[in-house]
Protein backbone atom coordinates (compact mmCIF):
# COMPACT_ATOMS: atom_id res chain seq x y z
CA MET A 1 -0.07 29.36 0.56
CA THR A 2 2.99 29.05 2.80
CA ILE A 3 3.85 26.16 5.07
CA PRO A 4 6.21 26.91 7.98
CA MET A 5 9.34 24.82 7.78
CA SER A 6 11.54 23.15 10.34
CA SER A 7 15.26 23.88 10.61
CA LEU A 8 15.84 21.33 7.84
CA SER A 9 13.48 23.13 5.46
CA ARG A 10 13.42 26.31 3.46
CA THR A 11 10.54 28.19 1.87
CA CYS A 12 10.30 29.47 -1.70
CA SER A 13 7.82 32.32 -2.13
CA SER A 14 7.25 32.03 -5.87
CA ALA A 15 3.58 31.52 -6.81
CA GLY A 16 2.70 30.92 -3.19
CA ARG A 17 4.36 27.54 -3.15
CA SER A 18 6.35 26.01 -0.34
CA VAL A 19 9.41 23.98 -1.10
CA VAL A 20 10.12 21.37 1.53
CA PHE A 21 13.66 20.07 1.78
CA THR A 22 14.15 16.49 2.85
CA ARG A 23 16.96 14.05 2.34
CA ARG A 24 16.84 12.29 -1.00
CA VAL A 25 17.78 8.67 -1.49
CA ALA A 26 18.31 7.47 -5.04
CA LEU A 27 16.29 4.29 -5.40
CA TYR A 28 14.86 2.24 -8.23
CA SER A 29 11.39 0.82 -8.72
CA ARG A 30 10.21 -2.76 -8.89
CA HIS A 31 9.21 -4.02 -12.33
CA VAL A 32 5.48 -4.62 -12.84
CA VAL A 33 3.11 -4.86 -15.78
CA PRO A 34 -0.30 -3.08 -15.89
CA ALA A 35 -3.51 -4.76 -17.03
CA GLY A 36 -7.24 -4.04 -17.32
CA ASP A 37 -10.13 -2.69 -19.43
CA ARG A 38 -12.30 0.44 -19.53
CA SER A 39 -16.05 1.07 -19.29
CA SER A 40 -18.49 3.77 -18.02
CA SER A 41 -20.85 5.21 -15.33
CA ARG A 42 -22.06 8.62 -14.06
CA CYS A 43 -22.62 10.68 -10.91
CA ARG A 44 -24.39 13.98 -10.23
CA VAL A 45 -22.42 16.73 -8.53
CA PRO A 46 -24.39 19.55 -6.85
CA ASN A 47 -23.72 23.08 -8.05
CA GLY A 48 -21.09 24.90 -6.07
CA ALA A 49 -18.89 21.87 -5.46
CA GLY A 50 -15.27 22.68 -4.82
CA PHE A 51 -14.21 20.72 -7.90
CA THR A 52 -15.69 20.82 -11.39
CA ALA A 53 -16.25 17.36 -12.87
CA SER A 54 -14.27 16.26 -15.89
CA SER A 55 -14.38 13.05 -17.91
CA SER A 56 -10.63 12.66 -18.08
CA SER A 57 -8.75 10.00 -16.16
CA SER A 58 -7.17 10.43 -12.77
CA GLY A 59 -3.87 12.12 -11.98
CA PRO A 60 -2.63 14.99 -9.81
CA ILE A 61 -5.14 17.38 -11.39
CA LYS A 62 -6.87 15.41 -14.15
CA GLY A 63 -10.46 14.43 -13.53
CA ALA A 64 -11.13 17.25 -11.06
CA LYS A 65 -10.37 20.83 -12.04
CA ARG A 66 -10.07 23.20 -9.14
CA SER A 67 -12.77 25.85 -9.16
CA GLY A 68 -12.00 27.32 -5.75
CA GLY A 69 -9.05 29.31 -4.50
CA ASN A 70 -6.98 26.39 -3.29
CA LYS A 71 -3.39 26.09 -4.43
CA GLN A 72 -1.35 22.98 -4.93
CA VAL A 73 1.50 22.70 -2.46
CA ARG A 74 4.56 21.04 -3.97
CA MET A 75 6.71 19.15 -1.50
CA PHE A 76 10.10 18.13 -2.87
CA SER A 77 13.86 17.99 -2.56
CA THR A 78 15.85 21.13 -3.31
CA GLY A 79 17.76 19.51 -6.17
CA ASN A 80 16.51 19.12 -9.73
CA ASP A 81 13.95 16.44 -8.89
CA ALA A 82 10.28 16.92 -9.71
CA ALA A 83 7.89 17.12 -6.76
CA GLU A 84 7.56 13.62 -5.31
CA VAL A 85 4.46 14.35 -3.22
CA LEU A 86 1.79 16.93 -4.06
CA HIS A 87 -0.67 18.29 -1.51
CA THR A 88 -3.71 20.24 -2.66
CA PRO A 89 -5.54 21.82 0.32
CA PRO A 90 -9.35 22.23 0.41
CA SER A 91 -10.93 24.51 -2.19
CA GLY A 92 -12.72 26.76 0.30
CA ALA A 93 -13.60 27.40 3.92
CA SER A 94 -16.40 24.81 3.93
CA SER A 95 -14.42 22.09 2.15
CA LYS A 96 -12.73 19.26 4.03
CA LEU A 97 -11.16 17.54 1.02
CA HIS A 98 -7.36 17.42 0.68
CA THR A 99 -5.63 15.74 -2.25
CA VAL A 100 -2.35 13.90 -1.73
CA THR A 101 -0.69 12.74 -4.96
CA LEU A 102 2.23 10.31 -5.11
CA ASN A 103 4.22 11.90 -7.91
CA ARG A 104 6.98 9.68 -9.31
CA PRO A 105 5.17 8.43 -12.43
CA LYS A 106 8.39 7.42 -14.22
CA LYS A 107 9.09 5.09 -11.27
CA LEU A 108 5.46 3.94 -11.05
CA ASN A 109 5.15 6.15 -7.94
CA SER A 110 7.28 3.69 -5.99
CA LEU A 111 8.09 4.93 -2.49
CA SER A 112 11.45 6.54 -1.85
CA LEU A 113 12.59 7.51 1.62
CA ASN A 114 12.06 11.12 0.56
CA MET A 115 8.38 10.46 -0.20
CA ILE A 116 7.91 8.71 3.12
CA ARG A 117 9.37 11.73 4.93
CA LEU A 118 6.97 14.03 3.10
CA LEU A 119 4.00 11.84 4.02
CA GLU A 120 5.21 11.91 7.63
CA ARG A 121 4.91 15.71 7.52
CA LEU A 122 1.42 15.69 6.03
CA TYR A 123 0.16 13.13 8.54
CA GLY A 124 2.29 14.63 11.32
CA LYS A 125 1.33 15.41 14.89
CA ARG A 126 -1.77 17.61 15.06
CA GLY A 127 -0.90 21.27 14.93
CA ALA A 128 2.58 20.69 13.54
CA ALA A 129 3.70 22.82 10.61
CA GLY A 130 2.33 21.44 7.34
CA ALA A 131 0.21 18.71 8.95
CA ILE A 132 -3.30 18.02 7.67
CA PRO A 133 -5.78 19.07 10.39
CA GLY A 134 -8.37 16.86 12.04
CA ASN A 135 -11.88 16.50 10.59
CA SER A 136 -10.52 16.17 7.07
CA ILE A 137 -10.86 13.83 4.10
CA VAL A 138 -7.80 12.90 2.02
CA TRP A 139 -8.09 11.73 -1.57
CA MET A 140 -4.85 9.76 -2.03
CA GLU A 141 -3.95 9.05 -5.64
CA GLY A 142 -1.02 8.25 -7.91
CA ALA A 143 0.23 10.46 -10.73
CA GLY A 144 0.48 9.28 -14.31
CA GLU A 145 -1.22 6.62 -16.38
CA LYS A 146 0.27 3.45 -14.89
CA ALA A 147 0.23 3.21 -11.10
CA PHE A 148 -1.10 4.29 -7.73
CA CYS A 149 2.13 2.94 -6.24
CA ALA A 150 4.14 -0.06 -7.41
CA GLY A 151 5.78 -0.63 -4.01
CA GLY A 152 8.80 0.50 -2.08
CA ASP A 153 12.02 1.34 -3.89
CA VAL A 154 14.37 -1.35 -2.66
CA ALA A 155 17.27 -1.48 -5.12
CA ALA A 156 19.40 1.01 -3.16
CA LEU A 157 18.91 -1.16 -0.08
CA ALA A 158 20.44 -4.08 -1.95
CA GLU A 159 23.36 -1.90 -3.09
CA ALA A 160 23.99 -0.91 0.53
CA LEU A 161 23.81 -4.53 1.66
CA ARG A 162 26.47 -5.43 -0.90
CA ARG A 163 28.71 -3.02 0.99
CA GLY A 164 27.75 -4.62 4.30
CA ASP A 165 25.61 -1.61 5.31
CA ARG A 166 22.24 -2.41 6.95
CA THR A 167 21.60 1.15 8.14
CA LEU A 168 19.69 2.35 5.08
CA GLY A 169 17.46 -0.70 5.09
CA GLY A 170 16.67 -0.28 8.77
CA GLU A 171 15.82 3.39 8.29
CA PHE A 172 13.65 2.71 5.26
CA PHE A 173 11.56 -0.06 6.86
CA HIS A 174 11.31 1.84 10.16
CA SER A 175 10.01 4.98 8.43
CA GLU A 176 7.75 3.14 5.98
CA TYR A 177 5.97 1.12 8.66
CA ALA A 178 5.63 4.16 10.93
CA VAL A 179 3.93 6.25 8.26
CA ASP A 180 1.63 3.34 7.35
CA TYR A 181 0.56 3.13 10.99
CA ARG A 182 0.10 6.88 11.29
CA ILE A 183 -2.12 7.10 8.20
CA ALA A 184 -4.17 4.10 9.34
CA THR A 185 -4.76 5.30 12.89
CA GLN A 186 -5.72 8.84 11.93
CA ASN A 187 -8.80 7.44 10.20
CA ALA A 188 -10.18 7.09 13.74
CA ALA A 189 -8.23 9.63 15.77
CA ALA A 190 -11.03 11.66 17.36
CA ASP A 191 -9.39 11.13 20.75
CA ALA A 192 -6.14 12.80 19.66
CA LYS A 193 -3.94 13.43 22.68
CA ASP A 194 -3.38 17.11 21.92
CA GLY A 195 -7.10 17.85 22.10
CA SER A 196 -7.50 18.85 18.45
CA GLY A 197 -9.67 15.80 17.79
CA GLY A 198 -11.20 14.89 14.50
CA ASN A 199 -10.38 12.07 12.13
CA ILE A 200 -8.40 12.26 8.93
CA VAL A 201 -10.29 9.83 6.70
CA THR A 202 -8.10 8.75 3.80
CA VAL A 203 -9.75 7.48 0.63
CA SER A 204 -7.34 5.19 -1.24
CA VAL A 205 -7.80 5.62 -5.00
CA TRP A 206 -6.40 2.34 -6.26
CA ASP A 207 -6.50 3.12 -9.95
CA LYS A 208 -3.94 1.16 -11.99
CA ILE A 209 -1.04 -0.73 -10.29
CA ILE A 210 -1.09 -1.13 -6.51
CA MET A 211 1.58 -3.36 -5.00
CA GLY A 212 3.82 -3.85 -1.97
CA GLY A 213 4.55 -0.61 -0.14
CA GLY A 214 1.67 1.08 -1.94
CA VAL A 215 -0.69 -1.45 -0.38
CA GLY A 216 0.60 -0.38 3.04
CA LEU A 217 -0.40 3.23 2.36
CA GLY A 218 -3.90 2.27 1.29
CA PHE A 219 -5.13 -1.06 2.63
CA HIS A 220 -5.55 0.05 6.24
CA ASN A 221 -7.85 2.91 5.23
CA PRO A 222 -11.63 2.35 5.44
CA ILE A 223 -12.40 3.34 1.83
CA ARG A 224 -10.46 1.66 -0.99
CA ILE A 225 -11.65 2.53 -4.48
CA VAL A 226 -10.79 0.16 -7.34
CA THR A 227 -11.27 0.73 -11.07
CA GLU A 228 -11.28 -1.34 -14.25
CA LYS A 229 -7.54 -0.58 -14.46
CA THR A 230 -6.64 -1.87 -10.98
CA THR A 231 -3.89 -4.48 -10.61
CA PHE A 232 -3.24 -5.54 -7.00
CA ALA A 233 -0.45 -7.83 -5.78
CA MET A 234 1.90 -8.56 -2.89
CA PRO A 235 4.89 -10.07 -4.78
CA GLU A 236 7.52 -9.85 -2.03
CA THR A 237 8.52 -13.53 -1.95
CA LYS A 238 9.97 -13.03 -5.44
CA ILE A 239 12.63 -10.71 -3.97
CA GLY A 240 13.33 -12.67 -0.81
CA LEU A 241 11.08 -10.58 1.43
CA PHE A 242 7.57 -11.26 2.81
CA PRO A 243 4.15 -9.54 2.50
CA ASP A 244 4.98 -6.68 4.86
CA VAL A 245 3.47 -3.18 5.55
CA GLY A 246 1.02 -4.85 7.94
CA MET A 247 -0.20 -7.40 5.41
CA THR A 248 0.84 -10.57 7.25
CA TRP A 249 -1.95 -9.36 9.56
CA GLY A 250 -4.15 -7.68 6.93
CA LEU A 251 -4.32 -10.67 4.59
CA SER A 252 -5.23 -12.95 7.48
CA ARG A 253 -8.17 -10.64 8.34
CA LEU A 254 -9.79 -10.53 4.90
CA ARG A 255 -13.55 -11.04 4.93
CA ASN A 256 -14.41 -13.73 2.39
CA GLN A 257 -15.45 -17.36 2.29
CA ASP A 258 -11.98 -18.77 2.99
CA PRO A 259 -9.78 -16.01 4.47
CA LEU A 260 -6.81 -18.18 5.47
CA ALA A 261 -6.57 -19.82 2.05
CA ILE A 262 -6.79 -16.48 0.25
CA ALA A 263 -4.24 -14.92 2.63
CA ARG A 264 -1.75 -17.72 2.01
CA PHE A 265 -2.39 -17.67 -1.73
CA LEU A 266 -1.89 -13.92 -2.12
CA GLY A 267 0.99 -13.69 0.35
CA LEU A 268 3.01 -16.57 -1.07
CA VAL A 269 2.22 -16.46 -4.78
CA GLY A 270 1.97 -12.70 -5.35
CA PHE A 271 -0.91 -13.32 -7.75
CA ARG A 272 -2.24 -10.24 -9.54
CA LEU A 273 -5.88 -9.39 -8.87
CA ASN A 274 -8.19 -7.09 -10.79
CA ALA A 275 -10.97 -4.91 -9.39
CA ALA A 276 -13.57 -7.69 -9.29
CA ASP A 277 -11.19 -9.99 -7.43
CA CYS A 278 -10.38 -7.22 -4.95
CA LEU A 279 -14.07 -6.66 -4.24
CA ASN A 280 -14.77 -10.39 -3.93
CA PHE A 281 -11.99 -10.87 -1.37
CA GLY A 282 -12.67 -7.69 0.64
CA ILE A 283 -9.50 -5.93 -0.49
CA GLY A 284 -11.37 -3.16 -2.29
CA THR A 285 -14.50 -1.53 -0.87
CA HIS A 286 -15.95 0.44 -3.81
CA PHE A 287 -15.78 0.35 -7.62
CA VAL A 288 -15.58 3.47 -9.78
CA GLU A 289 -14.85 3.54 -13.50
CA GLN A 290 -11.62 5.36 -14.18
CA LYS A 291 -13.24 8.09 -16.27
CA ASP A 292 -15.60 8.94 -13.38
CA LEU A 293 -12.98 9.43 -10.66
CA GLY A 294 -13.13 13.20 -11.11
CA LEU A 295 -16.91 13.17 -10.64
CA VAL A 296 -16.62 11.09 -7.49
CA LYS A 297 -13.89 13.34 -6.13
CA ALA A 298 -16.06 16.40 -6.75
CA HIS A 299 -18.94 14.68 -4.97
CA LEU A 300 -16.72 14.03 -1.94
CA ASP A 301 -15.88 17.73 -1.86
CA THR A 302 -19.52 18.44 -1.00
CA PHE A 303 -19.28 16.45 2.26
CA SER A 304 -20.21 18.34 5.41
CA GLY A 305 -20.29 17.32 9.05
CA ASP A 306 -17.86 15.30 11.13
CA ALA A 307 -15.57 13.14 9.04
CA ASN A 308 -15.47 9.48 10.05
CA ALA A 309 -15.30 6.24 8.11
CA ASP A 310 -19.06 5.63 8.14
CA SER A 311 -20.18 9.16 7.34
CA VAL A 312 -17.71 9.57 4.48
CA ALA A 313 -18.60 6.15 3.03
CA THR A 314 -22.31 6.93 3.26
CA HIS A 315 -21.82 10.21 1.44
CA LEU A 316 -19.62 8.53 -1.17
CA GLU A 317 -22.29 5.92 -1.87
CA THR A 318 -24.90 8.57 -2.71
CA CYS A 319 -22.91 9.17 -5.90
CA GLY A 320 -24.35 7.14 -8.77
CA ALA A 321 -20.91 6.38 -10.19
CA VAL A 322 -19.91 4.41 -7.06
CA ALA A 323 -20.65 0.70 -6.81
CA LYS A 324 -20.23 -1.33 -3.62
CA LYS A 325 -19.04 -4.91 -3.28
CA GLY A 326 -21.58 -7.31 -4.79
CA SER A 327 -23.10 -4.72 -7.12
CA SER A 328 -24.03 -5.83 -10.64
CA VAL A 329 -22.81 -2.43 -11.86
CA VAL A 330 -19.17 -3.58 -11.63
CA SER A 331 -18.13 -4.01 -15.26
CA VAL A 332 -15.05 -6.21 -14.72
CA GLU A 333 -14.97 -10.00 -14.77
CA PRO A 334 -12.83 -11.56 -12.01
CA THR A 335 -9.47 -13.02 -12.94
CA LEU A 336 -10.03 -15.90 -10.53
CA LYS A 337 -13.02 -17.97 -11.57
CA GLU A 338 -15.09 -20.13 -9.23
CA ALA A 339 -13.09 -23.24 -10.15
CA ASP A 340 -9.82 -21.42 -9.40
CA CYS A 341 -11.11 -20.37 -5.98
CA SER A 342 -12.03 -23.99 -5.26
CA VAL A 343 -8.44 -25.00 -6.03
CA ILE A 344 -7.16 -22.27 -3.72
CA SER A 345 -9.40 -23.48 -0.90
CA ARG A 346 -8.27 -27.09 -1.33
CA CYS A 347 -4.56 -26.37 -1.69
CA PHE A 348 -4.03 -23.35 0.58
CA GLY A 349 -6.70 -23.89 3.26
CA ALA A 350 -6.45 -24.77 6.94
CA SER A 351 -6.21 -28.50 6.23
CA VAL A 352 -2.75 -27.91 4.70
CA ASP A 353 -0.15 -27.25 7.37
CA SER A 354 3.04 -26.38 5.45
CA VAL A 355 4.39 -24.84 2.25
CA ALA A 356 5.52 -28.30 1.16
CA GLY A 357 1.95 -29.47 1.74
CA ILE A 358 0.63 -26.66 -0.47
CA LEU A 359 3.00 -27.63 -3.28
CA GLY A 360 2.02 -31.29 -2.93
CA ALA A 361 -1.67 -30.44 -3.08
CA LEU A 362 -1.15 -28.27 -6.16
CA ASP A 363 0.83 -31.01 -7.91
CA ALA A 364 -1.96 -33.48 -7.20
CA GLU A 365 -4.41 -31.32 -9.16
CA GLY A 366 -2.73 -32.37 -12.41
CA ALA A 367 -0.54 -30.95 -15.16
CA GLY A 368 -1.74 -28.13 -17.40
CA SER A 369 -4.15 -26.82 -14.81
CA PHE A 370 -4.45 -23.54 -12.92
CA ALA A 371 -2.90 -25.38 -9.97
CA ALA A 372 0.13 -26.43 -12.02
CA LYS A 373 0.78 -22.83 -13.05
CA ILE A 374 0.58 -21.68 -9.43
CA ALA A 375 2.94 -24.46 -8.33
CA ALA A 376 5.45 -23.40 -10.98
CA THR A 377 5.24 -19.80 -9.78
CA LEU A 378 5.80 -20.82 -6.15
CA ARG A 379 8.91 -22.77 -7.12
CA GLU A 380 10.42 -19.57 -8.55
CA MET A 381 10.11 -17.76 -5.22
CA SER A 382 12.62 -17.77 -2.38
CA PRO A 383 12.03 -21.00 -0.41
CA LEU A 384 13.13 -19.23 2.76
CA SER A 385 10.76 -16.31 2.16
CA LEU A 386 7.90 -18.72 1.49
CA GLN A 387 8.48 -20.43 4.83
CA VAL A 388 8.81 -17.14 6.74
CA SER A 389 5.70 -15.68 5.08
CA PHE A 390 3.67 -18.81 5.78
CA ALA A 391 4.68 -18.72 9.44
CA ALA A 392 3.85 -15.01 9.83
CA ILE A 393 0.42 -15.30 8.23
CA GLN A 394 -0.31 -18.34 10.37
CA ARG A 395 0.66 -16.47 13.54
CA HIS A 396 -1.66 -13.58 12.81
CA HIS A 397 -4.48 -15.86 11.73
CA LEU A 398 -4.36 -17.75 15.03
CA GLU A 399 -3.67 -14.75 17.29
CA GLU A 400 -7.07 -13.10 17.70
CA THR A 401 -5.65 -10.26 19.79
CA ALA A 402 -3.14 -9.22 17.10
CA THR A 403 -3.44 -5.61 15.90
CA LEU A 404 -1.95 -3.59 13.09
CA ARG A 405 0.49 -2.08 15.57
CA SER A 406 1.68 -5.43 16.89
CA ALA A 407 1.89 -6.76 13.34
CA LEU A 408 4.07 -3.86 12.17
CA GLN A 409 6.31 -4.30 15.19
CA LEU A 410 6.73 -7.99 14.37
CA GLU A 411 7.27 -7.21 10.70
CA TYR A 412 9.97 -4.70 11.62
CA ARG A 413 11.84 -7.54 13.33
CA MET A 414 11.32 -9.71 10.27
CA ALA A 415 12.45 -6.98 7.87
CA MET A 416 15.61 -6.28 9.86
CA ASN A 417 16.41 -9.98 9.89
CA CYS A 418 15.82 -10.07 6.11
CA LEU A 419 18.78 -7.68 5.80
CA ARG A 420 21.16 -10.44 6.90
CA PRO A 421 23.42 -12.04 4.27
CA GLN A 422 22.85 -15.47 2.81
CA PRO A 423 22.28 -18.17 3.93
CA GLU A 424 20.41 -16.40 6.76
CA ALA A 425 18.21 -14.37 4.38
CA ASP A 426 17.55 -14.01 0.63
CA PHE A 427 16.51 -10.35 0.34
CA ALA A 428 19.82 -8.89 -0.88
CA GLU A 429 20.18 -11.65 -3.47
CA GLY A 430 16.56 -11.39 -4.61
CA VAL A 431 16.61 -7.64 -5.19
CA ALA A 432 20.06 -7.71 -6.79
CA ALA A 433 19.01 -10.47 -9.19
CA LEU A 434 15.66 -8.98 -10.23
CA LEU A 435 16.41 -5.26 -10.25
CA LEU A 436 20.17 -4.77 -10.48
CA ASP A 437 21.68 -7.68 -12.41
CA LYS A 438 18.55 -8.78 -14.36
CA ARG A 439 19.16 -12.49 -13.77
CA SER A 440 17.61 -15.44 -12.00
CA ALA A 441 18.13 -15.43 -8.25
CA LYS A 442 20.38 -17.98 -6.57
CA TRP A 443 18.42 -18.72 -3.43
CA ALA A 444 20.10 -19.99 -0.28
CA HIS A 445 17.95 -23.15 -0.45
CA GLU A 446 16.77 -25.02 -3.53
CA ARG A 447 13.54 -26.35 -2.03
CA VAL A 448 11.28 -25.41 0.88
CA GLU A 449 11.99 -28.77 2.51
CA GLN A 450 15.64 -27.72 2.91
CA VAL A 451 14.83 -24.64 5.01
CA PRO A 452 15.48 -25.41 8.72
CA SER A 453 12.59 -24.50 11.01
CA GLU A 454 15.16 -23.08 13.44
CA LEU A 455 16.21 -20.55 10.78
CA VAL A 456 12.60 -19.51 10.18
CA ASP A 457 12.18 -18.93 13.92
CA THR A 458 15.08 -16.46 13.98
CA PHE A 459 13.13 -14.00 11.81
CA PHE A 460 10.75 -13.39 14.71
CA LEU A 461 13.42 -12.73 17.34
CA PRO A 462 13.97 -9.20 18.75
CA VAL A 463 16.51 -7.04 16.97
CA SER A 464 19.15 -4.74 18.39
CA GLY A 465 17.81 -1.42 19.66
CA GLU A 466 14.19 -2.56 19.84
CA THR A 467 12.10 -1.24 22.75
CA LYS A 468 9.03 -2.66 24.41
CA LEU A 469 6.80 -0.18 22.59
CA GLY A 470 8.47 -0.76 19.27
CA PRO A 471 11.20 1.15 17.43
CA TRP A 472 9.00 4.15 16.58
CA ALA A 473 7.14 4.85 19.85
CA LYS A 474 7.30 8.64 19.44
CA GLU A 475 6.10 8.54 15.83
CA LEU A 476 2.93 6.74 16.91
CA GLU A 477 1.70 9.73 18.90
CA ILE A 478 -1.16 11.65 17.30
């Protein structure tokens, strides 16, 4: 299979593969630790499915062997790097299922600017060379045994900031947020402006680690599969950032018993959730045991009709290996017990109106408790980032008319302002300390009470070059 290239691309004819050239940025992944257990379940796959079921775990090919004539399209830089994004087209004329694999397993599939550019091509304007067509389903997964995606690669941004260069950071955040929006909106893009119509429904396969920038790729999709190996977190306050990629809005819109408290808790603490937690809080939508992902993928390949969120979910749920939220089939015990959730509601809920108030409420719960551990974790984070994150989540919780688009536009302002030097921002120091120098961060403020409210307000001010429609108006066209 050959994909036409732009003037910045070149095609290699060997084995029918296309080699896509994009600019490479050397970046380094965030450090995370996997967790979880295994168990089992089954699903029937009708004869003639485009994929043959396998009991092996997920990966670019594992768990679903191709039985049709489809070929894997490798999209990568022209240097010696391995393919950073893999695209496997449908197995036959009647199939709608594409596979997109994030393929940097040694870096926990953390997002480089190169990967973002490749995703921009796949989810590009309808009819563009290499773009996935309308009326398609995308199975988005991570390569390797450890992660779906551990976040955005941010170490090179910190290196650039040390040199006084904010350009790379601006380009990275701009491109990352734009591709998140594009993927999210094409789940319901039947009114595409070019007349091609048809949704591209992306199924997020959140097996193993899913954090930060990886959450942005998957959370805004209607189907989010979790497994017994899933570890979810938004740990940005530890590096002087905030829960971005649309999550200051997304966390505030979670459907659970106490959405504001859970949003504040996850956004400020960066607590790691397992599959059961994700289902309880509305972060995940379906549970599949890791060994059955191939079966479920093969079942999706039998889908026919018009692809939309409801029709694809309905078809998915006819597979016996798929469990919905609230199902007793889910074989994972939640990390957060009922007593822990009660603490979260008391200490992070609407009755508490500041980060200092949250810390005070946690301290009042007593030493040696779950609350004391959470308070200790919060005190390790950037006080400035905690205040900015709290304010952003509060804004989106109160603003009923907020949308993903408006949230990403606001977060772009916030991200650009995070690129400022200390004492105006802590991002450069946080990333340098954690990822480059391997030391404790020296935050601009020792305690949250020392952070001026006027400084927090500056993170929401317009940035140079911003337009009324946002910095990526053209990229938002479908």
